[in-house]
Amino acid sequence: MMMMYDDIKENLKEIKKQIPSHITLVAVSKSQSVDKIKAAYDAGYMDFGENYVQEMIEKYEHLPKDIRWHFIGHLQSNKVKYIISFVHIIHGVDSFKLIQEINQQALKHNRVIHCLLQIHIAKEETKFGFNEDDAFQILNSNELKTMKNIKIIGLMGMATNTDNIELVKTEFIGLKKFFDKIKEDVQTPCVNMKILSMGMSDDYTIAIECGSNMIRIGTMIFGERKRSIKQ
């Protein structure tokens, strides 16, 4: 058991050696045990990503309260209230309805919740996200300007699951250009573009080359997952 936890610490150390210091590494801990997460935490690691609300709540209750929990899955509006009191960043915000609900629930807890808009950049219809035109319209909308308890701090995108490196690179470069456009053109108090989240275990090196400053890695740190608890 101790050997397994030492492996987690070594894996984190090796990955951190491979990425620039300005890159935030979100350790994808979905379906991983509390003990494994605690091993990473004991090694000085603080940012963990979960996909399912129920699983995230259970882990929050059993782990140190200074952990920065990232919700990285597809979040249903009616589930927001369960994580709003402790979530650090909500990734994958993909509808205006969800934006409204996050703002409303955050108001009840006197919090300002940081969020990333998910942009659909892949060739796969199964992935979620705004197209660029809709995202730009929302970011410039008068209704968003009135919201005091949500701050859009960046974009997130998942590339096509393919061995075609040039396609993946094209998708990441396109998202970086859109990110830069928003930074230049959108002047709204609740929008502050700082994070461009692109890249997972299979494509994070390409994503970093294309301008990502946040990556999401799971099995490279923790090993294979157990069966997950669905929300």
Protein backbone atom coordinates (compact mmCIF):
# COMPACT_ATOMS: atom_id res chain seq x y z
CA MET A 1 0.00 0.00 0.00
CA MET A 2 2.78 2.41 0.95
CA MET A 3 4.53 1.56 -2.32
CA MET A 4 1.43 2.62 -4.28
CA TYR A 5 1.32 5.98 -2.49
CA ASP A 6 5.02 6.52 -3.11
CA ASP A 7 4.34 5.88 -6.80
CA ILE A 8 1.72 8.65 -6.83
CA LYS A 9 4.21 11.09 -5.35
CA GLU A 10 6.84 10.07 -7.89
CA ASN A 11 4.37 10.35 -10.77
CA LEU A 12 3.46 13.89 -9.73
CA LYS A 13 7.12 14.80 -9.43
CA GLU A 14 7.91 13.48 -12.92
CA ILE A 15 4.93 15.21 -14.56
CA LYS A 16 5.77 18.52 -12.90
CA LYS A 17 9.31 18.23 -14.31
CA GLN A 18 7.86 17.98 -17.82
CA ILE A 19 5.60 21.03 -17.71
CA PRO A 20 6.47 24.73 -17.41
CA SER A 21 6.02 26.34 -14.02
CA HIS A 22 3.14 28.56 -15.18
CA ILE A 23 0.98 25.53 -16.04
CA THR A 24 -1.67 24.50 -13.51
CA LEU A 25 -1.99 20.73 -13.29
CA VAL A 26 -5.45 19.53 -12.26
CA ALA A 27 -5.15 15.98 -10.97
CA VAL A 28 -8.23 14.16 -12.24
CA SER A 29 -9.23 12.15 -9.20
CA LYS A 30 -12.62 10.85 -10.35
CA SER A 31 -13.09 7.20 -9.36
CA GLN A 32 -9.89 7.29 -7.32
CA SER A 33 -9.89 6.51 -3.59
CA VAL A 34 -9.72 9.05 -0.79
CA ASP A 35 -6.43 7.48 0.28
CA LYS A 36 -4.86 8.05 -3.13
CA ILE A 37 -5.98 11.69 -3.17
CA LYS A 38 -4.62 12.14 0.35
CA ALA A 39 -1.27 10.75 -0.80
CA ALA A 40 -1.09 13.40 -3.51
CA TYR A 41 -2.20 16.06 -1.02
CA ASP A 42 0.50 14.97 1.43
CA ALA A 43 3.02 15.45 -1.38
CA GLY A 44 1.97 19.10 -1.53
CA TYR A 45 -0.64 18.85 -4.23
CA MET A 46 -3.86 20.91 -3.95
CA ASP A 47 -5.87 20.88 -7.22
CA PHE A 48 -8.16 17.91 -7.87
CA GLY A 49 -10.79 17.42 -10.56
CA GLU A 50 -14.03 15.47 -10.18
CA ASN A 51 -16.73 14.58 -12.73
CA TYR A 52 -19.64 13.54 -10.53
CA VAL A 53 -21.40 15.62 -7.89
CA GLN A 54 -22.09 12.84 -5.40
CA GLU A 55 -18.53 11.54 -5.57
CA MET A 56 -17.10 15.03 -5.16
CA ILE A 57 -19.26 15.72 -2.07
CA GLU A 58 -18.23 12.45 -0.42
CA LYS A 59 -14.55 13.15 -1.00
CA TYR A 60 -14.88 16.74 0.21
CA GLU A 61 -16.34 15.46 3.48
CA HIS A 62 -13.41 13.10 4.10
CA LEU A 63 -10.44 15.18 2.95
CA PRO A 64 -8.68 18.38 4.10
CA LYS A 65 -10.74 21.49 3.54
CA ASP A 66 -8.00 23.51 1.87
CA ILE A 67 -8.07 21.27 -1.21
CA ARG A 68 -9.04 23.18 -4.36
CA TRP A 69 -11.85 21.16 -5.93
CA HIS A 70 -12.41 21.58 -9.67
CA PHE A 71 -15.67 20.29 -11.07
CA ILE A 72 -14.69 19.15 -14.57
CA GLY A 73 -17.68 17.07 -15.66
CA HIS A 74 -20.95 17.97 -17.33
CA LEU A 75 -22.84 19.80 -14.56
CA GLN A 76 -26.63 19.75 -14.47
CA SER A 77 -28.26 22.97 -13.24
CA ASN A 78 -30.19 21.18 -10.51
CA LYS A 79 -26.94 19.82 -9.03
CA VAL A 80 -25.17 23.18 -8.64
CA LYS A 81 -26.54 23.79 -5.13
CA TYR A 82 -24.79 20.72 -3.75
CA ILE A 83 -21.23 21.88 -4.53
CA ILE A 84 -21.56 25.67 -4.55
CA SER A 85 -20.35 26.10 -0.96
CA PHE A 86 -16.90 24.62 -1.56
CA VAL A 87 -16.09 24.26 -5.28
CA HIS A 88 -12.98 26.18 -6.42
CA ILE A 89 -13.62 26.35 -10.19
CA ILE A 90 -16.47 24.99 -12.27
CA HIS A 91 -15.13 23.89 -15.64
CA GLY A 92 -17.30 23.03 -18.61
CA VAL A 93 -20.00 25.69 -18.22
CA ASP A 94 -21.94 25.08 -21.41
CA SER A 95 -25.30 26.89 -21.17
CA PHE A 96 -26.64 30.27 -20.11
CA LYS A 97 -29.12 28.47 -17.86
CA LEU A 98 -26.18 26.99 -15.96
CA ILE A 99 -24.53 30.41 -15.67
CA GLN A 100 -27.72 31.83 -14.17
CA GLU A 101 -28.05 28.97 -11.68
CA ILE A 102 -24.42 29.24 -10.55
CA ASN A 103 -24.88 32.98 -9.95
CA GLN A 104 -28.12 32.45 -8.02
CA GLN A 105 -26.74 29.69 -5.81
CA ALA A 106 -23.47 31.56 -5.19
CA LEU A 107 -25.45 34.58 -4.00
CA LYS A 108 -27.04 32.43 -1.28
CA HIS A 109 -23.57 31.57 0.03
CA ASN A 110 -22.09 35.04 -0.46
CA ARG A 111 -19.49 33.65 -2.85
CA VAL A 112 -18.15 34.60 -6.28
CA ILE A 113 -17.69 31.38 -8.24
CA HIS A 114 -14.96 31.17 -10.86
CA CYS A 115 -15.98 29.36 -14.04
CA LEU A 116 -14.63 28.33 -17.43
CA LEU A 117 -16.83 28.35 -20.51
CA GLN A 118 -16.59 25.13 -22.48
CA ILE A 119 -16.15 25.70 -26.19
CA HIS A 120 -16.96 22.91 -28.63
CA ILE A 121 -13.82 22.51 -30.74
CA ALA A 122 -13.88 18.78 -31.54
CA LYS A 123 -15.31 16.98 -34.57
CA GLU A 124 -17.34 14.78 -32.22
CA GLU A 125 -20.96 15.65 -31.57
CA THR A 126 -20.89 13.80 -28.23
CA LYS A 127 -18.80 16.56 -26.64
CA PHE A 128 -20.53 19.53 -25.01
CA GLY A 129 -19.83 23.24 -25.37
CA PHE A 130 -20.75 26.59 -26.88
CA ASN A 131 -19.84 27.52 -30.41
CA GLU A 132 -17.76 30.69 -30.61
CA ASP A 133 -20.57 32.97 -31.77
CA ASP A 134 -22.90 31.98 -28.92
CA ALA A 135 -20.14 32.25 -26.33
CA PHE A 136 -19.13 35.71 -27.55
CA GLN A 137 -22.75 36.87 -27.49
CA ILE A 138 -23.24 35.64 -23.91
CA LEU A 139 -19.99 37.22 -22.70
CA ASN A 140 -21.15 40.57 -24.11
CA SER A 141 -24.75 40.25 -22.93
CA ASN A 142 -26.34 42.85 -20.66
CA GLU A 143 -27.71 40.13 -18.39
CA LEU A 144 -24.25 38.73 -17.70
CA LYS A 145 -23.04 42.22 -16.84
CA THR A 146 -25.54 42.38 -13.97
CA MET A 147 -24.33 39.15 -12.33
CA LYS A 148 -22.26 39.74 -9.20
CA ASN A 149 -21.62 36.18 -7.98
CA ILE A 150 -20.01 34.55 -10.98
CA LYS A 151 -16.77 35.36 -12.78
CA ILE A 152 -15.84 33.82 -16.12
CA ILE A 153 -12.08 33.44 -15.82
CA GLY A 154 -11.31 31.40 -18.92
CA LEU A 155 -12.17 28.81 -21.53
CA MET A 156 -12.00 25.04 -21.65
CA GLY A 157 -11.95 22.82 -24.72
CA MET A 158 -11.45 19.14 -25.53
CA ALA A 159 -9.91 18.19 -28.85
CA THR A 160 -11.08 15.37 -31.08
CA ASN A 161 -10.07 11.93 -29.82
CA THR A 162 -7.81 11.02 -32.73
CA ASP A 163 -4.26 10.09 -33.67
CA ASN A 164 -4.27 12.99 -36.15
CA ILE A 165 -1.91 15.35 -34.35
CA GLU A 166 -2.38 18.12 -36.91
CA LEU A 167 -6.15 18.12 -36.35
CA VAL A 168 -5.69 18.31 -32.58
CA LYS A 169 -3.19 21.13 -32.99
CA THR A 170 -5.54 23.03 -35.30
CA GLU A 171 -8.37 22.76 -32.76
CA PHE A 172 -6.18 23.97 -29.90
CA ILE A 173 -4.77 26.86 -31.92
CA GLY A 174 -8.30 27.91 -32.85
CA LEU A 175 -9.36 27.99 -29.20
CA LYS A 176 -6.27 30.02 -28.26
CA LYS A 177 -7.16 32.61 -30.93
CA PHE A 178 -10.70 32.84 -29.58
CA PHE A 179 -9.36 33.20 -26.03
CA ASP A 180 -7.15 36.08 -27.15
CA LYS A 181 -10.06 37.72 -28.98
CA ILE A 182 -12.18 37.67 -25.83
CA LYS A 183 -9.33 39.13 -23.77
CA GLU A 184 -9.08 42.01 -26.22
CA ASP A 185 -12.74 42.64 -27.09
CA VAL A 186 -14.83 41.81 -24.01
CA GLN A 187 -14.90 44.48 -21.31
CA THR A 188 -17.24 43.19 -18.60
CA PRO A 189 -16.60 43.16 -14.83
CA CYS A 190 -17.51 39.46 -14.46
CA VAL A 191 -15.23 38.35 -17.32
CA ASN A 192 -11.49 38.12 -16.71
CA MET A 193 -9.77 35.74 -19.11
CA LYS A 194 -6.82 34.15 -17.28
CA ILE A 195 -7.15 30.41 -17.81
CA LEU A 196 -7.05 28.45 -21.05
CA SER A 197 -7.71 24.84 -20.10
CA MET A 198 -6.71 22.47 -22.89
CA GLY A 199 -4.99 19.13 -22.76
CA MET A 200 -5.35 15.78 -21.06
CA SER A 201 -3.10 12.74 -20.76
CA ASP A 202 -2.98 12.00 -24.50
CA ASP A 203 -2.54 15.53 -25.82
CA TYR A 204 -1.33 17.82 -23.04
CA THR A 205 2.10 18.40 -24.62
CA ILE A 206 0.43 19.63 -27.82
CA ALA A 207 -1.97 21.77 -25.80
CA ILE A 208 0.89 23.45 -23.93
CA GLU A 209 2.65 24.20 -27.22
CA CYS A 210 -0.58 25.85 -28.42
CA GLY A 211 -0.95 28.10 -25.37
CA SER A 212 -2.73 26.11 -22.67
CA ASN A 213 -1.98 27.09 -19.08
CA MET A 214 -4.12 24.42 -17.40
CA ILE A 215 -4.08 20.67 -18.09
CA ARG A 216 -6.08 17.77 -16.67
CA ILE A 217 -4.28 14.48 -15.99
CA GLY A 218 -5.58 11.42 -14.13
CA THR A 219 -4.27 7.90 -14.72
CA MET A 220 -0.69 9.13 -15.26
CA ILE A 221 -0.80 10.21 -11.62
CA PHE A 222 -3.07 7.73 -9.87
CA GLY A 223 -3.07 4.66 -12.09
CA GLU A 224 -6.20 2.93 -13.33
CA ARG A 225 -9.57 3.96 -11.94
CA LYS A 226 -12.04 1.92 -10.00
CA ARG A 227 -15.73 1.98 -10.95
CA SER A 228 -17.11 5.50 -10.49
CA ILE A 229 -19.99 6.71 -8.34
CA LYS A 230 -22.49 8.39 -10.66
CA GLN A 231 -24.17 11.64 -9.71
